[in-house]
Amino acid sequence: MSSGPGADSAPAPATPDSPPTPPGKSSMFSSLKIRNYRLFFIGQVVSNTGTWMQRIAQDWLVLSLTGSSAAVGITTALQFLPMLLFGLYGGVLVDRLPKRPTLLVTQSAMALTGLALAFLTLSGHVQVWHVYVAAFAVGLATVVDNPARQSFVSEMVGPDQLQNAVSLNSANFQSARLVGPAVAGVMITGVGTGWAFLFNGLSFVAPLASLFLMRNRDLHSVQRAPRGKGQLREGLHYVAGRPDLIWPIVLVGFIGTFGFNFPVWLSAYADDIFHAGAGAYSLFNTLMAVGSLIGALLAARRGTTRLRVLIAAATAFGLLEVVAAVAPSYWLFALLMIPIGIAGLTVNVTANTAVQMGTDPAMRGRVMALFMMVFMGGTPVGAPIVGWITDAYGPRVSFALGGVIAAAAAATIGVILARIGDLRLSFDWNHGHPSVAFVPREREQLATAA
């Protein structure tokens, strides 16, 4: 399917050692030179801070009202359930609709949800089912908002800056994650959870203003998909025929379902293992955000996206979770959140960028909706299970099991990608240091013959 003027064409499929066509890159923050993206970035900094404050406040409120990790898992599941049920349809809509007006609607809806939850909490009438309804409402808006934001990045920056912009988006999100949990922790202990919800609702003024201030003439036009039958099936068929797309999506599905249940685990560790309260929960999230920010900035410096980086990061992520699960002391557990954040963010950015850069622009909404549906939509399946295991067998068993599943999925998919690319694992010495890499079988055979 052809794309409009200024849209990027789909690069060649990636293999573990042969990346997609590398994007242009002048510096770590090169995409911020583009006015529209700079406005978007600033608006998202404010909104993301509010979002993280609400996440912390929401989880702690549910735990305070119920005393149950399973209830926290249910809240998380309800927030991501709409993505599982309707995510692909959201992608079809995004491919048909203009992105900027769509984002104005979805961001406004999420602002109203935050304000409603703030009113209920500050008035003293909040109940657990109110939080459940609010979480589900945010999830419904996210069905369209997430693929729209993912796809809109390419329209703001064009193909040359896509890798950099995707990485900076993650850095943006993780920077807010440094501030949001810390401020939320102070608010919860000082004035209560309702003020965190209020801040989140008001924070959406910033991204709404940034969208209004953008210049249409500076956007890279992309041909929208016409209304028609079979578009959902067309998107699935497109991904099914691309191993370089389907296997990263499968991997993030396993990790999103079983390895990213941190609201359940960290709240349980803070409350049940270390008996340290909301401040510890906030600290764990903040330290993980430090690692995630480091990972995002490292990703922004990379000029290429290699699937072997994805496999290595996913394996490290799972193994680090296992180590953290058995950490005997509070501070050791807390410090392990930093490398877990680095590895987890590297998985997210590398998979996201590889899938976006390997997808035809006219298909990008549907493909990114599938990506987010698998990554976030697995949470409604995983979070209640993880919450039940946490309540029944303890946080340590639950956390370790999530890490084992993530590492096993990474190793298995790494083998599959190596076989698809006709690659073999090669061990060598480079300047006195061991080197491990996937190499084509022909190259390894020539080296052996020599």
Protein backbone atom coordinates (compact mmCIF):
# COMPACT_ATOMS: atom_id res chain seq x y z
CA MET A 1 0.00 0.00 0.00
CA SER A 2 1.49 3.33 -1.00
CA SER A 3 2.12 6.10 1.48
CA GLY A 4 1.58 9.83 1.20
CA PRO A 5 4.22 12.45 0.53
CA GLY A 6 6.86 12.65 3.19
CA ALA A 7 5.96 9.28 4.69
CA ASP A 8 8.66 6.71 5.23
CA SER A 9 8.65 3.46 3.35
CA ALA A 10 9.07 0.16 5.13
CA PRO A 11 12.71 -0.86 5.47
CA ALA A 12 14.04 -4.33 4.98
CA PRO A 13 13.19 -6.88 7.69
CA ALA A 14 15.58 -7.09 10.59
CA THR A 15 17.44 -10.11 11.85
CA PRO A 16 19.35 -10.44 15.12
CA ASP A 17 22.49 -9.08 13.44
CA SER A 18 21.15 -7.20 10.41
CA PRO A 19 19.22 -4.13 11.61
CA PRO A 20 16.61 -2.19 9.67
CA THR A 21 17.70 0.78 7.65
CA PRO A 22 19.40 3.00 10.24
CA PRO A 23 17.79 6.36 10.89
CA GLY A 24 19.65 9.61 10.62
CA LYS A 25 21.02 10.79 13.95
CA SER A 26 22.87 13.95 14.85
CA SER A 27 22.72 13.90 18.65
CA MET A 28 20.96 12.32 21.60
CA PHE A 29 18.28 15.04 21.48
CA SER A 30 18.21 15.71 17.74
CA SER A 31 14.46 15.24 17.28
CA LEU A 32 13.77 18.04 19.79
CA LYS A 33 14.91 20.51 17.13
CA ILE A 34 11.56 19.88 15.42
CA ARG A 35 9.01 22.39 16.75
CA ASN A 36 5.93 20.17 16.73
CA TYR A 37 7.72 17.33 18.46
CA ARG A 38 9.24 19.72 21.00
CA LEU A 39 5.74 20.97 21.93
CA PHE A 40 4.50 17.39 22.15
CA PHE A 41 7.46 16.39 24.33
CA ILE A 42 6.94 19.25 26.81
CA GLY A 43 3.22 18.53 27.12
CA GLN A 44 3.88 14.87 27.73
CA VAL A 45 6.42 15.61 30.50
CA VAL A 46 3.70 17.31 32.55
CA SER A 47 0.98 14.76 31.73
CA ASN A 48 3.22 11.76 32.35
CA THR A 49 4.15 13.11 35.77
CA GLY A 50 0.46 13.25 36.66
CA THR A 51 -0.08 9.78 35.22
CA TRP A 52 2.62 8.29 37.45
CA MET A 53 1.24 10.09 40.47
CA GLN A 54 -2.19 8.60 39.80
CA ARG A 55 -0.75 5.11 39.31
CA ILE A 56 0.97 5.17 42.67
CA ALA A 57 -2.04 6.72 44.41
CA GLN A 58 -4.46 4.31 42.75
CA ASP A 59 -2.52 1.19 43.75
CA TRP A 60 -1.99 2.40 47.32
CA LEU A 61 -5.62 3.45 47.70
CA VAL A 62 -6.85 0.01 46.62
CA LEU A 63 -4.38 -1.72 48.95
CA SER A 64 -5.47 0.56 51.81
CA LEU A 65 -9.17 -0.08 51.18
CA THR A 66 -8.89 -3.86 50.77
CA GLY A 67 -5.57 -5.06 52.19
CA SER A 68 -5.33 -7.39 49.20
CA SER A 69 -2.63 -7.71 46.52
CA ALA A 70 -5.19 -9.52 44.39
CA ALA A 71 -7.36 -6.38 44.44
CA VAL A 72 -4.41 -4.34 43.18
CA GLY A 73 -3.99 -6.94 40.43
CA ILE A 74 -7.67 -6.64 39.52
CA THR A 75 -7.36 -2.84 39.27
CA THR A 76 -4.36 -3.19 36.96
CA ALA A 77 -6.20 -5.83 34.94
CA LEU A 78 -9.27 -3.61 34.48
CA GLN A 79 -7.09 -0.76 33.24
CA PHE A 80 -5.56 -2.94 30.55
CA LEU A 81 -8.57 -5.18 29.78
CA PRO A 82 -9.98 -2.81 27.11
CA MET A 83 -6.67 -3.06 25.23
CA LEU A 84 -7.01 -6.83 25.19
CA LEU A 85 -10.65 -6.74 24.07
CA PHE A 86 -10.66 -3.81 21.66
CA GLY A 87 -7.01 -3.00 20.93
CA LEU A 88 -7.03 -4.16 17.31
CA TYR A 89 -10.21 -2.22 16.56
CA GLY A 90 -8.53 0.85 18.03
CA GLY A 91 -5.70 0.37 15.55
CA VAL A 92 -8.15 0.20 12.65
CA LEU A 93 -9.71 3.48 13.81
CA VAL A 94 -6.33 5.14 14.18
CA ASP A 95 -5.34 4.21 10.62
CA ARG A 96 -8.57 5.85 9.39
CA LEU A 97 -8.62 8.98 11.58
CA PRO A 98 -6.43 12.11 11.66
CA LYS A 99 -4.10 11.67 14.62
CA ARG A 100 -4.09 15.15 16.19
CA PRO A 101 -7.90 15.57 16.58
CA THR A 102 -8.09 11.99 17.81
CA LEU A 103 -5.55 12.72 20.54
CA LEU A 104 -7.44 15.84 21.60
CA VAL A 105 -10.50 13.66 22.29
CA THR A 106 -8.68 10.83 24.09
CA GLN A 107 -6.54 13.12 26.26
CA SER A 108 -9.64 15.09 27.29
CA ALA A 109 -11.42 11.87 28.26
CA MET A 110 -8.55 10.78 30.49
CA ALA A 111 -8.44 14.22 32.13
CA LEU A 112 -12.13 13.97 33.05
CA THR A 113 -11.58 10.51 34.53
CA GLY A 114 -8.80 11.78 36.80
CA LEU A 115 -10.90 14.73 37.95
CA ALA A 116 -13.88 12.48 38.74
CA LEU A 117 -11.71 10.15 40.85
CA ALA A 118 -10.23 13.19 42.64
CA PHE A 119 -13.72 14.47 43.53
CA LEU A 120 -14.81 11.09 44.91
CA THR A 121 -11.65 10.67 46.99
CA LEU A 122 -11.48 14.22 48.36
CA SER A 123 -15.17 14.15 49.28
CA GLY A 124 -14.65 10.94 51.26
CA HIS A 125 -17.07 8.85 49.20
CA VAL A 126 -14.58 6.75 47.26
CA GLN A 127 -15.07 2.99 47.21
CA VAL A 128 -13.07 0.23 45.57
CA TRP A 129 -15.58 -0.15 42.74
CA HIS A 130 -15.14 3.54 41.89
CA VAL A 131 -11.43 2.92 41.35
CA TYR A 132 -12.25 -0.15 39.24
CA VAL A 133 -14.59 1.90 37.02
CA ALA A 134 -12.04 4.72 36.67
CA ALA A 135 -9.29 2.25 35.73
CA PHE A 136 -11.53 0.66 33.09
CA ALA A 137 -12.48 4.09 31.70
CA VAL A 138 -8.82 5.08 31.34
CA GLY A 139 -8.23 1.76 29.60
CA LEU A 140 -11.00 2.47 27.09
CA ALA A 141 -9.44 5.82 26.17
CA THR A 142 -6.02 4.18 25.92
CA VAL A 143 -7.31 1.76 23.25
CA VAL A 144 -7.29 4.64 20.77
CA ASP A 145 -4.86 7.03 22.49
CA ASN A 146 -1.90 4.67 22.59
CA PRO A 147 -1.65 3.66 18.91
CA ALA A 148 -2.55 7.24 17.93
CA ARG A 149 0.37 8.65 19.96
CA GLN A 150 2.73 5.93 18.71
CA SER A 151 1.80 6.59 15.08
CA PHE A 152 1.73 10.39 15.46
CA VAL A 153 5.42 10.44 16.37
CA SER A 154 6.39 9.49 12.81
CA GLU A 155 4.16 12.26 11.44
CA MET A 156 5.86 14.84 13.66
CA VAL A 157 9.49 13.87 13.04
CA GLY A 158 9.60 11.83 9.81
CA PRO A 159 11.57 8.65 9.17
CA ASP A 160 15.06 10.02 9.83
CA GLN A 161 14.36 10.95 13.45
CA LEU A 162 11.95 8.14 14.35
CA GLN A 163 14.45 6.04 16.33
CA ASN A 164 15.57 9.09 18.30
CA ALA A 165 12.02 10.33 18.96
CA VAL A 166 10.76 6.93 20.14
CA SER A 167 13.70 6.68 22.54
CA LEU A 168 13.14 10.24 23.80
CA ASN A 169 9.45 9.45 24.32
CA SER A 170 10.53 6.66 26.64
CA ALA A 171 13.05 8.96 28.34
CA ASN A 172 10.22 11.47 28.77
CA PHE A 173 7.96 8.86 30.36
CA GLN A 174 10.71 7.61 32.65
CA SER A 175 11.78 11.14 33.66
CA ALA A 176 8.21 11.75 34.79
CA ARG A 177 8.41 8.43 36.59
CA LEU A 178 11.27 9.84 38.65
CA VAL A 179 9.21 12.81 39.79
CA GLY A 180 5.68 11.36 39.90
CA PRO A 181 6.16 8.54 42.45
CA ALA A 182 8.26 10.77 44.72
CA VAL A 183 5.65 13.55 44.73
CA ALA A 184 2.84 11.00 45.06
CA GLY A 185 4.54 9.45 48.09
CA VAL A 186 4.76 12.86 49.78
CA MET A 187 1.14 13.67 48.91
CA ILE A 188 -0.22 10.31 50.09
CA THR A 189 1.50 10.53 53.46
CA GLY A 190 0.90 14.29 53.83
CA VAL A 191 -2.52 15.21 52.41
CA GLY A 192 -3.99 12.00 50.94
CA THR A 193 -4.43 10.25 47.60
CA GLY A 194 -7.14 12.58 46.30
CA TRP A 195 -4.70 15.41 45.59
CA ALA A 196 -2.59 13.14 43.40
CA PHE A 197 -5.70 12.33 41.34
CA LEU A 198 -6.50 16.05 41.07
CA PHE A 199 -3.00 16.86 39.83
CA ASN A 200 -3.27 14.17 37.19
CA GLY A 201 -6.57 15.50 35.91
CA LEU A 202 -5.23 19.04 35.65
CA SER A 203 -1.94 17.90 34.09
CA PHE A 204 -3.70 17.10 30.81
CA VAL A 205 -3.97 20.84 30.12
CA ALA A 206 -0.32 20.72 28.97
CA PRO A 207 -0.63 18.07 26.19
CA LEU A 208 -3.94 19.53 25.04
CA ALA A 209 -2.30 22.96 24.70
CA SER A 210 0.67 21.46 22.83
CA LEU A 211 -1.65 19.77 20.31
CA PHE A 212 -3.51 23.05 19.70
CA LEU A 213 -0.23 24.95 19.14
CA MET A 214 1.19 22.54 16.52
CA ARG A 215 1.50 23.60 12.88
CA ASN A 216 -0.23 21.31 10.39
CA ARG A 217 2.10 22.33 7.56
CA ASP A 218 5.09 20.90 9.45
CA LEU A 219 3.58 17.43 9.82
CA HIS A 220 4.69 14.59 7.54
CA SER A 221 1.54 13.54 5.73
CA VAL A 222 0.61 9.86 5.77
CA GLN A 223 -2.16 8.42 3.64
CA ARG A 224 -4.99 7.29 5.89
CA ALA A 225 -6.58 3.92 5.30
CA PRO A 226 -10.05 4.24 3.70
CA ARG A 227 -13.05 2.78 5.43
CA GLY A 228 -13.57 -0.77 4.20
CA LYS A 229 -14.14 -4.37 5.15
CA GLY A 230 -11.39 -6.76 6.19
CA GLN A 231 -8.94 -4.13 7.48
CA LEU A 232 -8.48 -5.90 10.80
CA ARG A 233 -7.81 -9.19 9.03
CA GLU A 234 -5.48 -7.40 6.62
CA GLY A 235 -3.39 -6.07 9.52
CA LEU A 236 -3.14 -9.49 11.16
CA HIS A 237 -2.18 -11.13 7.89
CA TYR A 238 0.49 -8.47 7.33
CA VAL A 239 2.11 -9.15 10.71
CA ALA A 240 1.78 -12.95 10.39
CA GLY A 241 3.86 -12.85 7.22
CA ARG A 242 6.71 -10.91 8.84
CA PRO A 243 8.88 -12.91 11.28
CA ASP A 244 10.80 -9.72 12.13
CA LEU A 245 7.52 -8.27 13.45
CA ILE A 246 5.66 -11.24 14.89
CA TRP A 247 8.41 -12.63 17.16
CA PRO A 248 9.26 -9.33 18.92
CA ILE A 249 5.51 -8.89 19.50
CA VAL A 250 5.25 -12.42 20.93
CA LEU A 251 8.22 -11.75 23.23
CA VAL A 252 6.82 -8.50 24.62
CA GLY A 253 3.54 -10.36 25.12
CA PHE A 254 5.19 -12.86 27.47
CA ILE A 255 7.10 -10.14 29.29
CA GLY A 256 4.10 -7.83 29.55
CA THR A 257 1.87 -10.62 30.86
CA PHE A 258 4.21 -12.18 33.40
CA GLY A 259 7.21 -9.87 33.90
CA PHE A 260 5.78 -6.35 34.24
CA ASN A 261 3.39 -6.77 37.18
CA PHE A 262 5.28 -4.27 39.33
CA PRO A 263 2.19 -2.63 40.92
CA VAL A 264 1.42 -6.01 42.51
CA TRP A 265 4.97 -6.97 43.44
CA LEU A 266 6.37 -3.67 44.66
CA SER A 267 3.36 -2.77 46.78
CA ALA A 268 3.51 -6.26 48.34
CA TYR A 269 7.26 -6.02 49.01
CA ALA A 270 6.83 -2.57 50.58
CA ASP A 271 3.91 -3.66 52.75
CA ASP A 272 4.43 -7.37 53.52
CA ILE A 273 8.17 -8.10 53.15
CA PHE A 274 9.85 -4.92 54.39
CA HIS A 275 6.91 -3.34 56.29
CA ALA A 276 8.01 0.10 55.12
CA GLY A 277 4.77 1.67 53.85
CA ALA A 278 3.94 3.97 50.94
CA GLY A 279 7.34 5.70 51.06
CA ALA A 280 9.11 2.44 50.19
CA TYR A 281 6.69 1.75 47.35
CA SER A 282 7.41 5.20 45.98
CA LEU A 283 11.17 4.68 46.35
CA PHE A 284 11.09 1.34 44.50
CA ASN A 285 9.25 2.96 41.58
CA THR A 286 11.59 5.94 41.58
CA LEU A 287 14.74 3.80 41.47
CA MET A 288 13.29 1.70 38.68
CA ALA A 289 12.59 4.95 36.84
CA VAL A 290 16.25 5.95 37.26
CA GLY A 291 17.26 2.75 35.49
CA SER A 292 14.59 3.20 32.84
CA LEU A 293 15.76 6.74 32.13
CA ILE A 294 19.34 5.53 31.74
CA GLY A 295 18.11 2.82 29.37
CA ALA A 296 16.09 5.33 27.34
CA LEU A 297 19.04 7.73 26.95
CA LEU A 298 21.31 4.87 25.90
CA ALA A 299 18.69 3.86 23.33
CA ALA A 300 18.53 7.44 22.03
CA ARG A 301 22.29 7.30 21.34
CA ARG A 302 22.02 4.11 19.31
CA GLY A 303 21.69 4.62 15.56
CA THR A 304 20.41 1.12 14.84
CA THR A 305 17.91 -1.33 16.25
CA ARG A 306 19.14 -4.91 16.53
CA LEU A 307 16.93 -7.77 17.59
CA ARG A 308 19.86 -9.41 19.36
CA VAL A 309 19.82 -6.41 21.74
CA LEU A 310 16.15 -7.15 22.38
CA ILE A 311 16.85 -10.81 23.18
CA ALA A 312 19.81 -10.00 25.44
CA ALA A 313 17.89 -7.30 27.32
CA ALA A 314 14.84 -9.54 27.78
CA THR A 315 17.01 -12.38 29.13
CA ALA A 316 18.80 -10.03 31.53
CA PHE A 317 15.46 -8.56 32.62
CA GLY A 318 14.11 -11.98 33.61
CA LEU A 319 17.26 -13.05 35.41
CA LEU A 320 17.46 -9.78 37.35
CA GLU A 321 13.88 -10.27 38.53
CA VAL A 322 14.82 -13.69 39.88
CA VAL A 323 17.79 -12.21 41.75
CA ALA A 324 15.65 -9.38 43.16
CA ALA A 325 12.99 -11.85 44.27
CA VAL A 326 15.37 -13.48 46.74
CA ALA A 327 17.17 -10.28 47.83
CA PRO A 328 17.50 -10.54 51.63
CA SER A 329 17.65 -6.83 52.48
CA TYR A 330 15.57 -3.73 51.78
CA TRP A 331 18.38 -1.70 50.21
CA LEU A 332 19.67 -4.53 48.01
CA PHE A 333 16.16 -5.05 46.66
CA ALA A 334 15.78 -1.30 46.12
CA LEU A 335 19.10 -0.97 44.27
CA LEU A 336 18.26 -3.91 41.98
CA MET A 337 15.35 -1.83 40.65
CA ILE A 338 17.88 0.25 38.70
CA PRO A 339 19.29 -2.52 36.43
CA ILE A 340 15.78 -3.99 36.14
CA GLY A 341 14.63 -0.60 34.89
CA ILE A 342 17.48 -0.41 32.37
CA ALA A 343 16.76 -3.88 30.97
CA GLY A 344 12.99 -3.44 30.92
CA LEU A 345 13.16 -0.11 29.13
CA THR A 346 15.65 -1.50 26.60
CA VAL A 347 13.21 -4.30 25.81
CA ASN A 348 10.36 -1.85 25.34
CA VAL A 349 12.20 0.71 23.20
CA THR A 350 14.02 -1.84 21.05
CA ALA A 351 10.88 -3.83 20.29
CA ASN A 352 8.80 -0.69 19.73
CA THR A 353 11.32 0.88 17.36
CA ALA A 354 11.99 -2.33 15.43
CA VAL A 355 8.26 -2.88 14.87
CA GLN A 356 7.56 0.75 13.91
CA MET A 357 10.50 1.02 11.52
CA GLY A 358 9.70 -2.31 9.89
CA THR A 359 6.04 -1.44 9.23
CA ASP A 360 4.45 0.27 6.23
CA PRO A 361 3.10 3.68 7.41
CA ALA A 362 -0.42 2.86 6.16
CA MET A 363 -0.38 -0.22 8.43
CA ARG A 364 1.34 1.39 11.41
CA GLY A 365 -1.79 2.10 13.46
CA ARG A 366 -2.97 -1.51 13.26
CA VAL A 367 0.47 -2.98 13.86
CA MET A 368 1.19 -0.71 16.83
CA ALA A 369 -2.27 -1.46 18.22
CA LEU A 370 -1.42 -5.17 18.03
CA PHE A 371 1.94 -4.47 19.68
CA MET A 372 0.32 -2.55 22.54
CA MET A 373 -2.57 -5.00 22.81
CA VAL A 374 -0.14 -7.86 23.31
CA PHE A 375 2.20 -5.92 25.59
CA MET A 376 -0.44 -4.20 27.75
CA GLY A 377 -3.41 -6.46 27.04
CA GLY A 378 -1.69 -9.43 28.61
CA THR A 379 -1.92 -7.67 31.98
CA PRO A 380 -5.62 -8.56 32.52
CA VAL A 381 -4.53 -12.19 32.25
CA GLY A 382 -1.29 -11.94 34.19
CA ALA A 383 -2.08 -9.43 36.95
CA PRO A 384 -4.89 -11.37 38.70
CA ILE A 385 -2.85 -14.59 38.47
CA VAL A 386 0.23 -12.85 39.84
CA GLY A 387 -1.88 -11.20 42.56
CA TRP A 388 -3.33 -14.57 43.58
CA ILE A 389 0.12 -16.22 43.65
CA THR A 390 1.41 -13.28 45.71
CA ASP A 391 -1.40 -13.67 48.27
CA ALA A 392 -1.17 -17.48 48.35
CA TYR A 393 2.59 -18.13 48.20
CA GLY A 394 4.19 -14.77 48.92
CA PRO A 395 5.74 -11.97 46.84
CA ARG A 396 9.10 -13.71 46.49
CA VAL A 397 7.68 -16.78 44.74
CA SER A 398 5.49 -14.64 42.49
CA PHE A 399 8.31 -12.26 41.50
CA ALA A 400 10.75 -15.11 40.81
CA LEU A 401 8.21 -16.97 38.67
CA GLY A 402 7.62 -13.88 36.54
CA GLY A 403 11.37 -13.55 35.96
CA VAL A 404 11.78 -17.22 35.00
CA ILE A 405 8.99 -16.98 32.42
CA ALA A 406 10.45 -13.78 30.91
CA ALA A 407 13.97 -15.25 30.62
CA ALA A 408 12.70 -18.54 29.18
CA ALA A 409 10.61 -16.72 26.56
CA ALA A 410 13.60 -14.58 25.54
CA ALA A 411 15.89 -17.59 25.16
CA THR A 412 13.32 -19.54 23.14
CA ILE A 413 12.52 -16.68 20.76
CA GLY A 414 16.22 -15.92 20.37
CA VAL A 415 16.74 -19.48 19.09
CA ILE A 416 13.76 -19.13 16.74
CA LEU A 417 15.05 -15.84 15.28
CA ALA A 418 18.53 -17.32 14.85
CA ARG A 419 17.11 -20.26 12.90
CA ILE A 420 14.95 -17.99 10.73
CA GLY A 421 18.00 -15.88 9.89
CA ASP A 422 20.16 -19.00 9.40
CA LEU A 423 22.43 -17.79 12.19
CA ARG A 424 24.56 -19.58 14.72
CA LEU A 425 25.91 -18.48 18.09
CA SER A 426 29.61 -17.70 17.78
CA PHE A 427 32.15 -17.44 20.61
CA ASP A 428 35.38 -15.57 19.88
CA TRP A 429 38.09 -13.44 21.48
CA ASN A 430 38.28 -9.75 20.61
CA HIS A 431 41.35 -7.88 21.89
CA GLY A 432 41.71 -10.32 24.73
CA HIS A 433 38.02 -10.25 25.71
CA PRO A 434 35.36 -12.90 25.03
CA SER A 435 32.87 -11.99 22.30
CA VAL A 436 29.49 -13.65 21.78
CA ALA A 437 27.43 -12.93 18.64
CA PHE A 438 25.06 -14.43 16.09
CA VAL A 439 26.79 -14.90 12.73
CA PRO A 440 25.59 -16.35 9.41
CA ARG A 441 26.41 -20.03 9.03
CA GLU A 442 28.34 -19.35 5.81
CA ARG A 443 30.61 -16.85 7.59
CA GLU A 444 31.30 -19.29 10.42
CA GLN A 445 32.06 -22.10 7.96
CA LEU A 446 34.55 -19.88 6.10
CA ALA A 447 36.24 -18.95 9.37
CA THR A 448 36.52 -22.63 10.29
CA ALA A 449 37.95 -23.52 6.87
CA ALA A 450 40.52 -20.73 7.12
